[in-house]
Amino acid sequence: MPTTRETILTALADLLRTVPHVPVLRGEILPERVPSAGLLILRDGDPGEPGVTLSPLRYHYQHRAEIEAVVQGTERDMTFATLCARIGAALAVDRTLGGRCDWVEAEAPRPVDLPVEGAAALKAAVIPVILHYSTADPLA
């Protein structure tokens, strides 16, 4: 049976897959080729230290997952801006991931240009996504 954390991360990956024409990987390494519309890689991130309530016992997390957004090509600035806007729009559609999470919010990316020998440069950024949720057990 999947844990609360895994259920939420799977739901986030599924929500990101609604971004048109952009493949979404989970925990994978960057492939050799980046599609023209870009690529997203979801990293599980860090659940952090939970807040705890005792009656009933609940662990309240602000889990920091990360989306690696990568684009390549001559129009990479525009493609990157479009990709970020599409991620934001997808998250705005379902801030609770179908009721699995209390709230989902993204932080601003810090893009960097990365040279690639013999190919067009990459533009990439980590987009932190904060997942607010509670569980009865830190391992559940």
N, C-alpha and C. Protein backbone atom coordinates (compact mmCIF):
# COMPACT_ATOMS: atom_id res chain seq x y z
N MET A 1 0.85 -1.18 0.00
CA MET A 1 0.00 0.00 0.00
C MET A 1 0.89 1.25 0.00
N PRO A 2 0.64 2.19 -0.91
CA PRO A 2 1.50 3.38 -0.97
C PRO A 2 1.30 4.28 0.26
N THR A 3 2.36 4.94 0.63
CA THR A 3 2.31 5.87 1.76
C THR A 3 1.60 7.16 1.33
N THR A 4 1.25 7.97 2.30
CA THR A 4 0.65 9.28 2.01
C THR A 4 1.61 10.09 1.15
N ARG A 5 2.88 10.09 1.50
CA ARG A 5 3.89 10.84 0.77
C ARG A 5 3.96 10.39 -0.69
N GLU A 6 4.01 9.07 -0.90
CA GLU A 6 4.09 8.53 -2.25
C GLU A 6 2.82 8.84 -3.05
N THR A 7 1.67 8.74 -2.41
CA THR A 7 0.41 9.05 -3.08
C THR A 7 0.38 10.50 -3.55
N ILE A 8 0.87 11.41 -2.71
CA ILE A 8 0.89 12.83 -3.05
C ILE A 8 1.90 13.10 -4.17
N LEU A 9 3.08 12.53 -4.10
CA LEU A 9 4.08 12.75 -5.14
C LEU A 9 3.62 12.15 -6.48
N THR A 10 2.96 11.01 -6.44
CA THR A 10 2.41 10.43 -7.67
C THR A 10 1.33 11.32 -8.25
N ALA A 11 0.47 11.87 -7.39
CA ALA A 11 -0.57 12.78 -7.86
C ALA A 11 0.03 14.06 -8.46
N LEU A 12 1.11 14.56 -7.86
CA LEU A 12 1.78 15.73 -8.41
C LEU A 12 2.37 15.42 -9.78
N ALA A 13 3.01 14.27 -9.93
CA ALA A 13 3.57 13.87 -11.23
C ALA A 13 2.45 13.75 -12.26
N ASP A 14 1.32 13.16 -11.87
CA ASP A 14 0.19 13.03 -12.79
C ASP A 14 -0.35 14.40 -13.20
N LEU A 15 -0.41 15.33 -12.26
CA LEU A 15 -0.88 16.68 -12.57
C LEU A 15 0.09 17.37 -13.54
N LEU A 16 1.38 17.20 -13.33
CA LEU A 16 2.37 17.79 -14.24
C LEU A 16 2.26 17.18 -15.65
N ARG A 17 1.83 15.94 -15.73
CA ARG A 17 1.68 15.30 -17.04
C ARG A 17 0.54 15.90 -17.87
N THR A 18 -0.27 16.76 -17.25
CA THR A 18 -1.32 17.44 -18.00
C THR A 18 -0.77 18.64 -18.78
N VAL A 19 0.48 19.01 -18.54
CA VAL A 19 1.12 20.09 -19.31
C VAL A 19 1.32 19.54 -20.73
N PRO A 20 0.73 20.19 -21.73
CA PRO A 20 0.76 19.63 -23.09
C PRO A 20 2.17 19.52 -23.68
N HIS A 21 2.41 18.37 -24.31
CA HIS A 21 3.61 18.12 -25.11
C HIS A 21 4.92 18.11 -24.31
N VAL A 22 4.85 18.02 -23.00
CA VAL A 22 6.07 18.06 -22.18
C VAL A 22 6.17 16.76 -21.39
N PRO A 23 7.18 15.94 -21.67
CA PRO A 23 7.35 14.71 -20.90
C PRO A 23 7.70 15.01 -19.44
N VAL A 24 7.20 14.17 -18.55
CA VAL A 24 7.48 14.30 -17.12
C VAL A 24 8.12 13.00 -16.65
N LEU A 25 9.32 13.12 -16.10
CA LEU A 25 10.02 11.98 -15.52
C LEU A 25 10.00 12.13 -14.01
N ARG A 26 10.18 11.03 -13.33
CA ARG A 26 10.24 11.10 -11.88
C ARG A 26 11.52 10.45 -11.39
N GLY A 27 12.40 11.27 -10.80
CA GLY A 27 13.63 10.76 -10.23
C GLY A 27 14.61 10.21 -11.24
N GLU A 28 14.50 10.61 -12.49
CA GLU A 28 15.37 10.12 -13.56
C GLU A 28 16.53 11.08 -13.77
N ILE A 29 17.54 10.62 -14.49
CA ILE A 29 18.63 11.51 -14.87
C ILE A 29 18.22 12.24 -16.15
N LEU A 30 18.86 13.35 -16.42
CA LEU A 30 18.56 14.13 -17.61
C LEU A 30 18.94 13.32 -18.85
N PRO A 31 17.99 13.09 -19.76
CA PRO A 31 18.33 12.33 -20.97
C PRO A 31 19.23 13.14 -21.90
N GLU A 32 19.80 12.47 -22.88
CA GLU A 32 20.70 13.14 -23.82
C GLU A 32 19.98 14.15 -24.70
N ARG A 33 18.73 13.90 -25.01
CA ARG A 33 17.97 14.80 -25.87
C ARG A 33 16.80 15.40 -25.08
N VAL A 34 16.61 16.70 -25.25
CA VAL A 34 15.51 17.40 -24.60
C VAL A 34 14.49 17.73 -25.68
N PRO A 35 13.22 17.33 -25.51
CA PRO A 35 12.20 17.64 -26.50
C PRO A 35 12.08 19.15 -26.72
N SER A 36 11.58 19.54 -27.88
CA SER A 36 11.51 20.97 -28.22
C SER A 36 10.63 21.77 -27.27
N ALA A 37 9.61 21.16 -26.69
CA ALA A 37 8.73 21.87 -25.74
C ALA A 37 9.30 21.89 -24.33
N GLY A 38 10.37 21.13 -24.09
CA GLY A 38 10.99 21.08 -22.77
C GLY A 38 10.79 19.73 -22.12
N LEU A 39 11.28 19.65 -20.89
CA LEU A 39 11.24 18.41 -20.13
C LEU A 39 11.12 18.75 -18.66
N LEU A 40 10.34 17.97 -17.92
CA LEU A 40 10.21 18.14 -16.47
C LEU A 40 10.67 16.87 -15.78
N ILE A 41 11.44 17.03 -14.71
CA ILE A 41 11.85 15.91 -13.89
C ILE A 41 11.44 16.23 -12.45
N LEU A 42 10.54 15.42 -11.90
CA LEU A 42 10.09 15.61 -10.53
C LEU A 42 11.03 14.86 -9.59
N ARG A 43 11.57 15.59 -8.62
CA ARG A 43 12.41 15.00 -7.56
C ARG A 43 11.59 14.97 -6.28
N ASP A 44 11.71 13.87 -5.52
CA ASP A 44 10.91 13.71 -4.31
C ASP A 44 11.17 14.79 -3.27
N GLY A 45 12.39 15.28 -3.20
CA GLY A 45 12.69 16.37 -2.28
C GLY A 45 12.77 15.94 -0.83
N ASP A 46 12.45 16.87 0.06
CA ASP A 46 12.64 16.70 1.49
C ASP A 46 11.36 17.04 2.25
N PRO A 47 10.84 16.09 3.03
CA PRO A 47 9.63 16.39 3.80
C PRO A 47 9.88 17.34 4.96
N GLY A 48 11.13 17.46 5.40
CA GLY A 48 11.45 18.35 6.51
C GLY A 48 10.96 17.82 7.84
N GLU A 49 11.15 18.62 8.86
CA GLU A 49 10.69 18.27 10.20
C GLU A 49 9.20 18.58 10.31
N PRO A 50 8.39 17.63 10.74
CA PRO A 50 6.97 17.89 10.83
C PRO A 50 6.61 18.65 12.11
N GLY A 51 5.52 19.39 12.03
CA GLY A 51 4.87 19.87 13.24
C GLY A 51 4.02 18.72 13.76
N VAL A 52 3.82 18.63 15.05
CA VAL A 52 3.09 17.50 15.62
C VAL A 52 1.96 18.01 16.50
N THR A 53 0.78 17.41 16.33
CA THR A 53 -0.32 17.60 17.29
C THR A 53 -0.57 16.25 17.94
N LEU A 54 -1.02 16.27 19.19
CA LEU A 54 -1.09 15.03 19.95
C LEU A 54 -2.46 14.41 20.08
N SER A 55 -3.52 15.14 19.90
CA SER A 55 -4.83 14.54 20.13
C SER A 55 -5.81 14.97 19.05
N PRO A 56 -5.94 14.19 18.00
CA PRO A 56 -5.26 12.94 17.70
C PRO A 56 -3.85 13.20 17.18
N LEU A 57 -3.01 12.18 17.26
CA LEU A 57 -1.63 12.30 16.82
C LEU A 57 -1.59 12.52 15.31
N ARG A 58 -1.00 13.64 14.88
CA ARG A 58 -0.86 13.97 13.46
C ARG A 58 0.49 14.64 13.24
N TYR A 59 1.12 14.31 12.12
CA TYR A 59 2.37 14.92 11.70
C TYR A 59 2.05 15.83 10.52
N HIS A 60 2.38 17.10 10.63
CA HIS A 60 2.04 18.09 9.62
C HIS A 60 3.32 18.49 8.88
N TYR A 61 3.33 18.19 7.59
CA TYR A 61 4.52 18.42 6.77
C TYR A 61 4.36 19.60 5.83
N GLN A 62 5.48 20.25 5.56
CA GLN A 62 5.63 21.19 4.45
C GLN A 62 6.76 20.62 3.61
N HIS A 63 6.39 19.62 2.83
CA HIS A 63 7.33 18.83 2.04
C HIS A 63 7.79 19.66 0.83
N ARG A 64 9.08 19.76 0.66
CA ARG A 64 9.65 20.54 -0.45
C ARG A 64 10.10 19.58 -1.55
N ALA A 65 9.23 19.40 -2.56
CA ALA A 65 9.59 18.62 -3.74
C ALA A 65 10.22 19.59 -4.74
N GLU A 66 10.82 19.05 -5.77
CA GLU A 66 11.47 19.91 -6.76
C GLU A 66 11.13 19.45 -8.17
N ILE A 67 10.83 20.42 -9.02
CA ILE A 67 10.63 20.16 -10.43
C ILE A 67 11.83 20.74 -11.16
N GLU A 68 12.55 19.90 -11.89
CA GLU A 68 13.62 20.39 -12.75
C GLU A 68 13.00 20.65 -14.11
N ALA A 69 13.01 21.90 -14.54
CA ALA A 69 12.48 22.28 -15.84
C ALA A 69 13.67 22.56 -16.76
N VAL A 70 13.68 21.92 -17.92
CA VAL A 70 14.80 22.04 -18.84
C VAL A 70 14.27 22.27 -20.25
N VAL A 71 14.86 23.26 -20.93
CA VAL A 71 14.54 23.50 -22.35
C VAL A 71 15.86 23.67 -23.10
N GLN A 72 15.78 23.49 -24.40
CA GLN A 72 16.97 23.61 -25.24
C GLN A 72 16.56 24.18 -26.59
N GLY A 73 17.45 24.93 -27.20
CA GLY A 73 17.18 25.45 -28.53
C GLY A 73 17.40 26.94 -28.62
N THR A 74 17.18 27.47 -29.80
CA THR A 74 17.44 28.89 -30.03
C THR A 74 16.40 29.79 -29.37
N GLU A 75 15.21 29.31 -29.16
CA GLU A 75 14.14 30.09 -28.52
C GLU A 75 13.96 29.68 -27.06
N ARG A 76 15.05 29.30 -26.40
CA ARG A 76 14.93 28.73 -25.07
C ARG A 76 14.37 29.69 -24.02
N ASP A 77 14.63 30.99 -24.14
CA ASP A 77 14.08 31.93 -23.15
C ASP A 77 12.56 31.95 -23.21
N MET A 78 12.01 32.04 -24.41
CA MET A 78 10.55 32.05 -24.57
C MET A 78 9.95 30.70 -24.20
N THR A 79 10.62 29.63 -24.63
CA THR A 79 10.13 28.29 -24.32
C THR A 79 10.12 28.06 -22.81
N PHE A 80 11.17 28.53 -22.14
CA PHE A 80 11.25 28.37 -20.69
C PHE A 80 10.13 29.15 -19.99
N ALA A 81 9.91 30.39 -20.41
CA ALA A 81 8.85 31.20 -19.81
C ALA A 81 7.48 30.55 -20.02
N THR A 82 7.27 30.02 -21.21
CA THR A 82 6.00 29.34 -21.51
C THR A 82 5.85 28.09 -20.65
N LEU A 83 6.91 27.33 -20.51
CA LEU A 83 6.86 26.11 -19.70
C LEU A 83 6.54 26.44 -18.25
N CYS A 84 7.19 27.46 -17.69
CA CYS A 84 6.90 27.85 -16.30
C CYS A 84 5.45 28.28 -16.13
N ALA A 85 4.94 29.04 -17.10
CA ALA A 85 3.54 29.47 -17.04
C ALA A 85 2.59 28.28 -17.09
N ARG A 86 2.92 27.29 -17.90
CA ARG A 86 2.08 26.09 -17.99
C ARG A 86 2.12 25.27 -16.70
N ILE A 87 3.28 25.21 -16.06
CA ILE A 87 3.37 24.52 -14.77
C ILE A 87 2.49 25.23 -13.75
N GLY A 88 2.59 26.56 -13.70
CA GLY A 88 1.77 27.33 -12.77
C GLY A 88 0.29 27.13 -13.02
N ALA A 89 -0.11 27.11 -14.29
CA ALA A 89 -1.52 26.91 -14.64
C ALA A 89 -1.99 25.51 -14.22
N ALA A 90 -1.14 24.49 -14.42
CA ALA A 90 -1.51 23.13 -14.02
C ALA A 90 -1.69 23.03 -12.51
N LEU A 91 -0.79 23.65 -11.75
CA LEU A 91 -0.90 23.61 -10.29
C LEU A 91 -2.14 24.36 -9.81
N ALA A 92 -2.48 25.46 -10.47
CA ALA A 92 -3.64 26.27 -10.07
C ALA A 92 -4.95 25.52 -10.27
N VAL A 93 -4.97 24.56 -11.19
CA VAL A 93 -6.19 23.80 -11.47
C VAL A 93 -6.58 22.93 -10.27
N ASP A 94 -5.60 22.40 -9.55
CA ASP A 94 -5.90 21.48 -8.45
C ASP A 94 -4.88 21.63 -7.33
N ARG A 95 -5.09 22.63 -6.49
CA ARG A 95 -4.15 22.93 -5.39
C ARG A 95 -4.15 21.89 -4.28
N THR A 96 -5.09 20.94 -4.31
CA THR A 96 -5.13 19.91 -3.27
C THR A 96 -4.84 18.52 -3.82
N LEU A 97 -4.47 18.45 -5.08
CA LEU A 97 -4.18 17.16 -5.73
C LEU A 97 -5.30 16.16 -5.49
N GLY A 98 -6.50 16.60 -5.79
CA GLY A 98 -7.66 15.72 -5.64
C GLY A 98 -7.99 15.42 -4.19
N GLY A 99 -7.69 16.33 -3.27
CA GLY A 99 -7.98 16.13 -1.86
C GLY A 99 -6.91 15.34 -1.12
N ARG A 100 -5.84 14.99 -1.77
CA ARG A 100 -4.77 14.21 -1.12
C ARG A 100 -3.84 15.09 -0.28
N CYS A 101 -3.88 16.38 -0.53
CA CYS A 101 -2.93 17.32 0.06
C CYS A 101 -3.72 18.55 0.54
N ASP A 102 -3.26 19.22 1.57
CA ASP A 102 -3.95 20.43 2.03
C ASP A 102 -3.74 21.59 1.06
N TRP A 103 -2.53 21.72 0.51
CA TRP A 103 -2.24 22.84 -0.39
C TRP A 103 -0.93 22.58 -1.12
N VAL A 104 -0.87 23.04 -2.35
CA VAL A 104 0.34 22.94 -3.17
C VAL A 104 0.68 24.33 -3.66
N GLU A 105 1.94 24.74 -3.47
CA GLU A 105 2.36 26.04 -3.98
C GLU A 105 3.79 25.95 -4.51
N ALA A 106 4.00 26.63 -5.63
CA ALA A 106 5.33 26.65 -6.24
C ALA A 106 6.04 27.94 -5.86
N GLU A 107 7.37 27.86 -5.83
CA GLU A 107 8.19 29.04 -5.63
C GLU A 107 8.80 29.42 -6.97
N ALA A 108 9.31 30.63 -7.06
CA ALA A 108 9.88 31.11 -8.32
C ALA A 108 11.16 30.34 -8.67
N PRO A 109 11.33 30.05 -9.96
CA PRO A 109 12.56 29.38 -10.40
C PRO A 109 13.73 30.35 -10.48
N ARG A 110 14.93 29.81 -10.43
CA ARG A 110 16.15 30.58 -10.67
C ARG A 110 16.85 29.95 -11.86
N PRO A 111 16.50 30.39 -13.08
CA PRO A 111 17.05 29.73 -14.27
C PRO A 111 18.53 30.02 -14.49
N VAL A 112 19.20 29.06 -15.10
CA VAL A 112 20.59 29.20 -15.52
C VAL A 112 20.72 28.67 -16.93
N ASP A 113 21.65 29.25 -17.68
CA ASP A 113 21.98 28.75 -19.01
C ASP A 113 23.17 27.83 -18.88
N LEU A 114 23.06 26.65 -19.48
CA LEU A 114 24.12 25.65 -19.39
C LEU A 114 24.63 25.33 -20.78
N PRO A 115 25.91 25.59 -21.06
CA PRO A 115 26.44 25.28 -22.39
C PRO A 115 26.53 23.76 -22.59
N VAL A 116 26.29 23.35 -23.82
CA VAL A 116 26.40 21.94 -24.20
C VAL A 116 27.34 21.87 -25.40
N GLU A 117 28.40 21.11 -25.27
CA GLU A 117 29.38 21.01 -26.35
C GLU A 117 28.74 20.39 -27.59
N GLY A 118 28.80 21.11 -28.71
CA GLY A 118 28.29 20.60 -29.96
C GLY A 118 26.78 20.67 -30.13
N ALA A 119 26.09 21.40 -29.24
CA ALA A 119 24.63 21.50 -29.34
C ALA A 119 24.19 22.84 -28.76
N ALA A 120 22.91 23.16 -28.93
CA ALA A 120 22.36 24.39 -28.37
C ALA A 120 22.40 24.31 -26.84
N ALA A 121 22.59 25.45 -26.22
CA ALA A 121 22.65 25.50 -24.76
C ALA A 121 21.31 25.10 -24.14
N LEU A 122 21.38 24.67 -22.89
CA LEU A 122 20.19 24.36 -22.11
C LEU A 122 19.84 25.55 -21.23
N LYS A 123 18.59 25.75 -20.98
CA LYS A 123 18.14 26.67 -19.94
C LYS A 123 17.40 25.78 -18.95
N ALA A 124 17.78 25.85 -17.70
CA ALA A 124 17.22 24.95 -16.70
C ALA A 124 17.02 25.68 -15.38
N ALA A 125 16.12 25.14 -14.59
CA ALA A 125 15.89 25.67 -13.24
C ALA A 125 15.24 24.61 -12.39
N VAL A 126 15.47 24.72 -11.10
CA VAL A 126 14.74 23.92 -10.12
C VAL A 126 13.58 24.79 -9.64
N ILE A 127 12.38 24.25 -9.72
CA ILE A 127 11.20 24.96 -9.24
C ILE A 127 10.75 24.24 -7.97
N PRO A 128 10.98 24.84 -6.80
CA PRO A 128 10.52 24.20 -5.57
C PRO A 128 9.00 24.21 -5.50
N VAL A 129 8.44 23.10 -5.05
CA VAL A 129 6.99 22.98 -4.86
C VAL A 129 6.77 22.52 -3.43
N ILE A 130 6.03 23.32 -2.68
CA ILE A 130 5.77 23.00 -1.28
C ILE A 130 4.43 22.27 -1.18
N LEU A 131 4.48 21.07 -0.60
CA LEU A 131 3.30 20.23 -0.43
C LEU A 131 2.92 20.23 1.05
N HIS A 132 1.79 20.79 1.38
CA HIS A 132 1.32 20.84 2.77
C HIS A 132 0.37 19.66 2.98
N TYR A 133 0.72 18.77 3.91
CA TYR A 133 -0.15 17.63 4.19
C TYR A 133 0.11 17.12 5.60
N SER A 134 -0.83 16.29 6.08
CA SER A 134 -0.72 15.68 7.41
C SER A 134 -0.90 14.18 7.28
N THR A 135 -0.27 13.48 8.22
CA THR A 135 -0.39 12.03 8.25
C THR A 135 -0.36 11.57 9.71
N ALA A 136 -0.88 10.38 9.96
CA ALA A 136 -0.91 9.84 11.32
C ALA A 136 0.41 9.17 11.71
N ASP A 137 1.27 8.94 10.74
CA ASP A 137 2.51 8.22 11.01
C ASP A 137 3.57 8.76 10.04
N PRO A 138 4.78 9.10 10.51
CA PRO A 138 5.79 9.63 9.61
C PRO A 138 6.26 8.61 8.56
N LEU A 139 6.00 7.35 8.75
CA LEU A 139 6.38 6.32 7.78
C LEU A 139 5.20 5.86 6.92
N ALA A 140 4.03 6.40 7.16
CA ALA A 140 2.83 5.98 6.41
C ALA A 140 2.57 6.89 5.24
